[in-house]
């Protein structure tokens, strides 16, 4: 009887161990996270708030600020940047900028995204903010605005400094904002295996992407690798499949092979177990809204955002209640102006929402049209 009991306990322990092992998708990583790139919904996490050294994944924040400066028209892709002595002196991955060398924002951006060049991103940081320290202050303020709680940047490169830390969650949050601000700009280059700068000179330079998962994982098109002896191997990747874009982060891996295996396991898990269920596509809704004191008296409105959710594979969204609230009903109303909000309650208790925008303008009535309309209503 004692032997039977021991045998049962061994079997149970074995089952628990296997289950625990299966539940850890990233056994070699100190921390990891899987996030839906659009909503920020967390699909898997392991020690996601643990502060760790992010190495060159830091550059995602630097790239965000460069793209933001361009979108705010404070910077242009064709602007010329003069490399400072400080930027030219960066170690690690680099394009060997020389002090005083002139290079376009675009080429420095390519070098930063494809080859993770520390000298290139430092030159861009100085171009955006004047000095590296001012740029780093901007990095930290922006991280706080994003909701990062375990991130402190000391430089724009990710080269090791004590106290320069982040977490898997914060890195995913920064990646999400980077994609939201400039997916086309950044993925255009993070998806390249190689490129060139200084092409029309005698110093043509070959850029080789440090993200080898581009070759092995279908649909993967970014984002950023990282490595220092203190950080270990880390990576933030993004991939898209059937309209679902995911962000995966693994930190403090022992080697490149483990980093690749664990990041791929996160993406595999996400695409196998989740799907994007869309109730209403962007601009698919077609409703009529009456306009007070306007010409015309009614206009067509639609949804500005997609009304959908990330669901488990066995789930489907079922609409239970729809609420439309108008914030603007009186003329003048301009085309594409936000006029209200739609919220849809689902059977599982979750909600989806979107702004409502005007598809046409309605001008404010002047005195005589209002007078004529009143007379017409009284007579007819």
Protein backbone atom coordinates (compact mmCIF):
# COMPACT_ATOMS: atom_id res chain seq x y z
CA UNK A 1 0.00 0.00 0.00
CA UNK A 2 2.87 2.31 0.87
CA UNK A 3 4.51 1.62 -2.50
CA UNK A 4 1.24 2.37 -4.31
CA UNK A 5 0.90 5.67 -2.46
CA UNK A 6 4.46 6.65 -3.32
CA UNK A 7 3.84 5.75 -6.96
CA UNK A 8 0.68 7.90 -7.07
CA UNK A 9 2.50 10.82 -5.50
CA UNK A 10 5.33 10.49 -8.03
CA UNK A 11 2.85 10.50 -10.91
CA UNK A 12 1.06 13.55 -9.51
CA UNK A 13 4.36 15.38 -8.98
CA UNK A 14 5.38 14.51 -12.52
CA UNK A 15 2.12 15.92 -13.90
CA UNK A 16 2.48 19.12 -11.89
CA UNK A 17 6.06 19.54 -13.09
CA UNK A 18 5.12 19.03 -16.74
CA UNK A 19 2.23 21.48 -16.42
CA UNK A 20 4.46 24.08 -14.78
CA UNK A 21 7.09 23.57 -17.47
CA UNK A 22 4.47 23.96 -20.23
CA UNK A 23 3.08 27.09 -18.63
CA UNK A 24 6.48 28.82 -18.83
CA UNK A 25 6.75 29.80 -22.47
CA UNK A 26 10.14 31.44 -21.95
CA UNK A 27 12.12 29.17 -19.61
CA UNK A 28 15.48 30.79 -20.36
CA UNK A 29 14.36 34.41 -19.94
CA UNK A 30 14.35 36.35 -16.68
CA UNK A 31 11.27 38.22 -17.84
CA UNK A 32 9.00 38.27 -20.87
CA UNK A 33 5.76 39.67 -22.23
CA UNK A 34 3.34 39.19 -25.11
CA UNK A 35 1.12 42.14 -26.02
CA UNK A 36 -1.47 43.01 -28.65
CA UNK A 37 0.12 45.91 -30.51
CA UNK A 38 -3.13 47.80 -31.06
CA UNK A 39 -4.96 47.57 -27.74
CA UNK A 40 -2.05 46.92 -25.40
CA UNK A 41 -3.84 43.83 -24.05
CA UNK A 42 -1.38 41.52 -22.29
CA UNK A 43 -1.66 37.95 -23.52
CA UNK A 44 1.22 36.44 -21.51
CA UNK A 45 3.72 37.70 -18.96
CA UNK A 46 6.53 36.50 -16.77
CA UNK A 47 8.08 38.91 -14.25
CA UNK A 48 7.00 41.70 -16.59
CA UNK A 49 7.76 44.54 -14.16
CA UNK A 50 11.24 43.36 -13.12
CA UNK A 51 13.80 46.16 -13.72
CA UNK A 52 16.56 44.88 -15.99
CA UNK A 53 19.14 46.34 -18.34
CA UNK A 54 17.46 46.84 -21.76
CA UNK A 55 20.66 47.30 -23.78
CA UNK A 56 19.98 48.48 -27.35
CA UNK A 57 16.23 48.01 -27.03
CA UNK A 58 16.60 51.49 -25.51
CA UNK A 59 16.83 52.80 -29.08
CA UNK A 60 13.09 52.22 -29.56
CA UNK A 61 12.43 55.27 -27.39
CA UNK A 62 15.11 57.27 -29.21
CA UNK A 63 13.59 56.34 -32.58
CA UNK A 64 10.13 57.29 -31.33
CA UNK A 65 11.36 60.78 -30.44
CA UNK A 66 13.05 61.20 -33.83
CA UNK A 67 9.86 60.22 -35.67
CA UNK A 68 7.78 62.44 -33.37
CA UNK A 69 10.05 65.40 -34.15
CA UNK A 70 9.58 64.74 -37.87
CA UNK A 71 5.80 64.47 -37.54
CA UNK A 72 5.80 67.69 -35.50
CA UNK A 73 7.79 69.32 -38.33
CA UNK A 74 10.72 70.10 -36.04
CA UNK A 75 12.92 67.82 -38.14
CA UNK A 76 12.99 66.58 -41.73
CA UNK A 77 14.31 63.35 -43.23
CA UNK A 78 16.55 65.38 -45.53
CA UNK A 79 18.03 67.58 -42.79
CA UNK A 80 21.81 67.31 -42.56
CA UNK A 81 23.43 66.38 -39.26
CA UNK A 82 27.02 67.25 -38.35
CA UNK A 83 28.54 64.54 -36.16
CA UNK A 84 29.96 65.84 -32.89
CA UNK A 85 33.11 64.53 -31.25
CA UNK A 86 30.89 62.91 -28.61
CA UNK A 87 28.69 61.11 -31.15
CA UNK A 88 31.70 59.95 -33.19
CA UNK A 89 33.28 58.54 -30.05
CA UNK A 90 30.48 56.06 -29.26
CA UNK A 91 31.62 52.47 -28.87
CA UNK A 92 29.83 49.21 -29.58
CA UNK A 93 27.84 48.86 -32.81
CA UNK A 94 28.65 51.82 -35.02
CA UNK A 95 29.03 53.18 -38.55
CA UNK A 96 32.34 54.86 -37.66
CA UNK A 97 31.17 58.45 -37.92
CA UNK A 98 34.00 60.93 -37.98
CA UNK A 99 33.83 64.19 -36.09
CA UNK A 100 32.44 66.83 -38.45
CA UNK A 101 31.05 64.26 -40.89
CA UNK A 102 27.74 65.31 -42.41
CA UNK A 103 24.95 62.77 -42.89
CA UNK A 104 21.21 63.04 -43.48
CA UNK A 105 18.63 62.26 -40.81
CA UNK A 106 17.37 59.45 -43.04
CA UNK A 107 20.75 57.71 -43.30
CA UNK A 108 21.38 58.04 -39.58
CA UNK A 109 17.90 56.63 -38.94
CA UNK A 110 18.62 53.66 -41.24
CA UNK A 111 21.91 53.02 -39.46
CA UNK A 112 20.14 53.12 -36.09
CA UNK A 113 17.30 50.78 -37.06
CA UNK A 114 19.13 48.25 -39.23
CA UNK A 115 22.57 48.11 -37.64
CA UNK A 116 21.81 49.51 -34.15
CA UNK A 117 24.56 52.09 -34.61
CA UNK A 118 25.31 53.91 -31.35
CA UNK A 119 27.10 56.81 -33.02
CA UNK A 120 24.18 57.34 -35.43
CA UNK A 121 21.47 57.45 -32.76
CA UNK A 122 23.58 59.75 -30.59
CA UNK A 123 24.00 62.18 -33.51
CA UNK A 124 20.22 62.12 -34.01
CA UNK A 125 19.62 62.70 -30.29
CA UNK A 126 21.85 65.77 -30.38
CA UNK A 127 20.08 67.00 -33.52
CA UNK A 128 16.64 66.68 -31.89
CA UNK A 129 17.43 68.19 -28.49
CA UNK A 130 20.75 70.01 -28.83
CA UNK A 131 22.57 67.84 -26.30
CA UNK A 132 22.47 64.20 -25.34
CA UNK A 133 21.53 64.99 -21.73
CA UNK A 134 18.56 67.11 -22.82
CA UNK A 135 17.43 64.29 -25.10
CA UNK A 136 17.71 61.77 -22.25
CA UNK A 137 15.53 64.02 -20.09
CA UNK A 138 12.96 63.96 -22.90
CA UNK A 139 13.22 60.16 -23.08
CA UNK A 140 12.41 59.83 -19.38
CA UNK A 141 9.53 62.33 -19.48
CA UNK A 142 8.03 60.53 -22.47
CA UNK A 143 8.41 57.12 -20.80
CA UNK A 144 6.49 58.46 -17.80
CA UNK A 145 3.77 59.79 -20.11
CA UNK A 146 3.46 56.32 -21.67
CA UNK A 147 2.91 54.82 -18.21
CA UNK A 148 6.32 53.19 -17.80
CA UNK A 149 6.93 52.59 -14.10
CA UNK A 150 10.28 50.78 -14.04
CA UNK A 151 12.26 52.68 -16.66
CA UNK A 152 15.14 55.10 -16.16
CA UNK A 153 17.22 56.04 -19.18
CA UNK A 154 20.78 57.32 -18.83
CA UNK A 155 21.63 57.49 -22.54
CA UNK A 156 19.94 57.12 -25.96
CA UNK A 157 21.93 54.03 -27.00
CA UNK A 158 21.54 51.38 -24.32
CA UNK A 159 25.28 51.15 -23.69
CA UNK A 160 25.66 49.98 -20.12
CA UNK A 161 25.34 52.47 -17.29
CA UNK A 162 24.35 51.69 -13.73
CA UNK A 163 20.72 52.66 -13.17
CA UNK A 164 19.83 52.51 -16.88
CA UNK A 165 16.97 50.03 -16.52
CA UNK A 166 13.59 49.07 -17.91
CA UNK A 167 11.21 46.11 -17.85
CA UNK A 168 9.55 43.79 -20.33
CA UNK A 169 6.25 45.60 -19.85
CA UNK A 170 7.78 49.05 -20.32
CA UNK A 171 9.68 47.93 -23.41
CA UNK A 172 6.47 46.56 -24.94
CA UNK A 173 4.68 49.80 -24.07
CA UNK A 174 7.39 51.84 -25.79
CA UNK A 175 7.25 49.53 -28.82
CA UNK A 176 3.47 49.95 -28.98
CA UNK A 177 3.80 53.74 -28.99
CA UNK A 178 6.60 53.60 -31.54
CA UNK A 179 4.38 51.60 -33.90
CA UNK A 180 1.42 53.87 -33.23
CA UNK A 181 3.45 57.00 -34.02
CA UNK A 182 5.33 55.72 -37.04
CA UNK A 183 4.90 52.06 -37.98
CA UNK A 184 5.50 52.73 -41.67
CA UNK A 185 8.65 54.75 -40.95
CA UNK A 186 10.27 52.29 -38.57
CA UNK A 187 9.15 48.92 -40.01
CA UNK A 188 10.36 49.96 -43.45
CA UNK A 189 13.90 49.63 -42.11
CA UNK A 190 13.64 47.17 -39.20
CA UNK A 191 12.34 44.63 -41.73
CA UNK A 192 15.46 44.90 -43.92
CA UNK A 193 18.19 42.32 -43.54
CA UNK A 194 20.71 44.71 -45.04
CA UNK A 195 21.10 48.17 -46.54
CA UNK A 196 23.79 50.71 -47.34
CA UNK A 197 24.76 54.25 -46.40
CA UNK A 198 27.39 56.57 -47.93
CA UNK A 199 26.45 54.93 -51.23
CA UNK A 200 27.78 57.72 -53.46
CA UNK A 201 31.15 57.94 -51.71
CA UNK A 202 34.36 55.97 -51.50
CA UNK A 203 33.27 54.85 -47.99
CA UNK A 204 30.15 52.86 -48.88
CA UNK A 205 29.04 51.14 -45.67
CA UNK A 206 27.14 47.87 -45.41
CA UNK A 207 24.42 47.76 -42.75
CA UNK A 208 23.53 44.28 -41.50
CA UNK A 209 20.46 43.71 -39.32
CA UNK A 210 21.12 42.24 -35.89
CA UNK A 211 17.64 40.68 -35.83
CA UNK A 212 18.13 37.26 -37.43
CA UNK A 213 14.51 36.28 -36.68
CA UNK A 214 13.59 38.19 -39.83
CA UNK A 215 14.80 35.18 -41.79
CA UNK A 216 13.11 32.51 -39.68
CA UNK A 217 9.74 33.83 -38.52
CA UNK A 218 7.00 34.55 -41.13
CA UNK A 219 5.33 37.93 -40.71
CA UNK A 220 8.03 39.32 -38.43
CA UNK A 221 9.19 42.82 -39.43
CA UNK A 222 10.90 44.37 -36.37
CA UNK A 223 11.83 45.66 -33.89
CA UNK A 224 15.03 45.74 -31.82
CA UNK A 225 17.66 43.42 -30.42
CA UNK A 226 19.92 44.12 -27.45
CA UNK A 227 23.02 42.74 -25.79
CA UNK A 228 25.60 43.74 -23.22
CA UNK A 229 27.42 41.46 -20.81
CA UNK A 230 25.26 42.93 -18.03
CA UNK A 231 21.89 42.72 -19.85
CA UNK A 232 22.36 39.34 -21.48
CA UNK A 233 20.57 38.77 -24.77
CA UNK A 234 17.23 40.50 -25.18
CA UNK A 235 14.84 41.35 -27.98
CA UNK A 236 11.58 43.10 -28.74
CA UNK A 237 9.92 41.69 -31.85
CA UNK A 238 6.69 42.36 -33.68
CA UNK A 239 4.89 40.20 -36.21
CA UNK A 240 1.52 40.29 -37.97
CA UNK A 241 -0.76 37.44 -39.05
CA UNK A 242 -4.33 37.68 -40.37
CA UNK A 243 -4.68 41.26 -39.14
CA UNK A 244 -3.37 40.51 -35.64
CA UNK A 245 -0.11 42.31 -34.76
CA UNK A 246 1.71 41.14 -31.65
CA UNK A 247 4.66 42.49 -29.67
CA UNK A 248 6.89 40.03 -27.81
CA UNK A 249 9.69 40.89 -25.38
CA UNK A 250 12.26 38.62 -23.76
CA UNK A 251 14.98 39.89 -21.43
CA UNK A 252 18.20 38.53 -19.94
CA UNK A 253 18.55 35.42 -22.08
CA UNK A 254 21.79 33.38 -21.83
CA UNK A 255 22.47 33.27 -25.58
CA UNK A 256 21.10 34.17 -29.02
CA UNK A 257 19.56 30.75 -29.61
CA UNK A 258 17.52 30.94 -26.39
CA UNK A 259 16.47 34.50 -27.20
CA UNK A 260 15.17 33.43 -30.62
CA UNK A 261 13.48 30.28 -29.30
CA UNK A 262 11.64 32.06 -26.48
CA UNK A 263 10.57 35.05 -28.60
CA UNK A 264 9.23 32.66 -31.27
CA UNK A 265 7.40 30.64 -28.59
CA UNK A 266 5.60 33.79 -27.42
CA UNK A 267 4.50 34.68 -30.95
CA UNK A 268 3.46 31.08 -31.69
CA UNK A 269 1.37 31.03 -28.52
CA UNK A 270 -0.31 34.32 -29.40
CA UNK A 271 -1.19 33.46 -32.98
CA UNK A 272 -2.36 29.95 -32.02
CA UNK A 273 -4.58 31.01 -29.13
CA UNK A 274 -5.89 34.46 -30.04
CA UNK A 275 -7.62 36.08 -32.98
CA UNK A 276 -8.95 39.50 -33.83
CA UNK A 277 -12.76 39.59 -33.87
CA UNK A 278 -14.04 42.72 -35.60
CA UNK A 279 -17.63 43.90 -35.23
CA UNK A 280 -17.34 47.07 -37.32
CA UNK A 281 -14.43 48.04 -39.57
CA UNK A 282 -13.09 51.59 -39.77
CA UNK A 283 -15.60 53.87 -41.55
CA UNK A 284 -18.03 50.95 -41.98
CA UNK A 285 -20.76 52.43 -39.79
CA UNK A 286 -23.20 54.64 -41.70
CA UNK A 287 -25.56 56.76 -39.61
CA UNK A 288 -27.44 60.04 -40.06
CA UNK A 289 -27.19 62.82 -37.47
CA UNK A 290 -29.53 65.82 -37.35
CA UNK A 291 -27.76 69.18 -37.16
CA UNK A 292 -29.27 72.14 -35.35
CA UNK A 293 -29.21 75.44 -37.28
CA UNK A 294 -27.23 73.84 -40.08
CA UNK A 295 -27.19 73.50 -43.86
CA UNK A 296 -27.70 70.67 -44.59
CA UNK A 297 -30.01 69.76 -41.71
CA UNK A 298 -28.56 66.26 -41.41
CA UNK A 299 -25.16 64.74 -42.17
CA UNK A 300 -23.71 61.28 -42.45
CA UNK A 301 -21.40 60.10 -39.66
CA UNK A 302 -19.17 57.05 -39.23
CA UNK A 303 -16.78 55.37 -36.79
CA UNK A 304 -13.21 56.68 -36.70
CA UNK A 305 -11.73 53.47 -35.25
CA UNK A 306 -12.18 49.77 -35.73
CA UNK A 307 -14.60 48.23 -33.24
CA UNK A 308 -12.99 44.93 -32.39
CA UNK A 309 -11.21 42.96 -29.69
CA UNK A 310 -8.50 40.38 -29.27
CA UNK A 311 -10.25 37.17 -28.18
CA UNK A 312 -9.19 33.64 -27.43
CA UNK A 313 -9.62 31.31 -30.38
CA UNK A 314 -12.79 29.77 -28.95
CA UNK A 315 -14.41 33.16 -28.25
CA UNK A 316 -16.57 35.34 -30.44
CA UNK A 317 -17.91 38.81 -29.72
CA UNK A 318 -21.70 39.02 -29.34
CA UNK A 319 -23.19 42.50 -29.17
CA UNK A 320 -25.59 43.08 -26.29
CA UNK A 321 -26.10 46.84 -26.19
CA UNK A 322 -25.08 49.84 -28.30
CA UNK A 323 -24.91 53.40 -26.99
CA UNK A 324 -24.32 56.51 -29.10
CA UNK A 325 -23.65 59.85 -27.41
CA UNK A 326 -23.33 63.04 -29.48
CA UNK A 327 -21.04 65.81 -28.25
CA UNK A 328 -21.70 68.16 -31.18
CA UNK A 329 -25.09 68.62 -32.84
CA UNK A 330 -25.14 72.35 -33.60
CA UNK A 331 -23.63 73.92 -36.73
CA UNK A 332 -21.03 74.68 -37.82
CA UNK A 333 -19.64 71.15 -38.08
CA UNK A 334 -16.63 70.42 -40.28
CA UNK A 335 -15.88 67.29 -42.27
CA UNK A 336 -13.86 64.75 -40.18
CA UNK A 337 -14.74 66.57 -36.95
CA UNK A 338 -15.44 64.37 -33.92
CA UNK A 339 -19.15 64.69 -33.14
CA UNK A 340 -19.72 61.89 -30.65
CA UNK A 341 -18.83 58.46 -29.34
CA UNK A 342 -20.15 54.93 -29.77
CA UNK A 343 -19.80 52.22 -27.13
CA UNK A 344 -20.82 48.58 -27.67
CA UNK A 345 -21.30 46.26 -24.70
CA UNK A 346 -20.51 42.59 -25.35
CA UNK A 347 -21.92 39.39 -23.91
CA UNK A 348 -18.68 38.65 -22.03
CA UNK A 349 -18.85 41.98 -20.18
CA UNK A 350 -16.18 43.73 -22.22
CA UNK A 351 -16.77 46.87 -24.28
CA UNK A 352 -15.45 48.39 -27.50
CA UNK A 353 -15.72 52.05 -28.42
CA UNK A 354 -14.85 54.61 -31.06
CA UNK A 355 -15.15 58.29 -31.82
CA UNK A 356 -17.80 59.22 -34.37
CA UNK A 357 -16.76 61.65 -37.10
CA UNK A 358 -18.69 63.74 -39.63
CA UNK A 359 -18.35 62.65 -43.25
CA UNK A 360 -19.48 66.07 -44.49
CA UNK A 361 -19.68 69.65 -43.29
CA UNK A 362 -22.80 71.49 -42.15
CA UNK A 363 -22.59 75.27 -42.23
CA UNK A 364 -24.37 77.53 -39.80
CA UNK A 365 -27.60 79.09 -41.01
CA UNK A 366 -27.64 82.87 -41.35
CA UNK A 367 -30.68 85.02 -40.49
CA UNK A 368 -32.54 84.87 -43.83
CA UNK A 369 -32.33 81.07 -44.31
CA UNK A 370 -33.56 80.62 -40.72
CA UNK A 371 -36.42 83.09 -41.34
CA UNK A 372 -37.42 81.30 -44.57
CA UNK A 373 -37.32 77.93 -42.85
CA UNK A 374 -39.59 79.21 -40.03
CA UNK A 375 -42.09 80.65 -42.53
CA UNK A 376 -42.07 77.43 -44.54
CA UNK A 377 -42.74 75.35 -41.43
CA UNK A 378 -45.63 77.63 -40.39
CA UNK A 379 -47.29 77.60 -43.84
CA UNK A 380 -46.78 74.03 -44.81
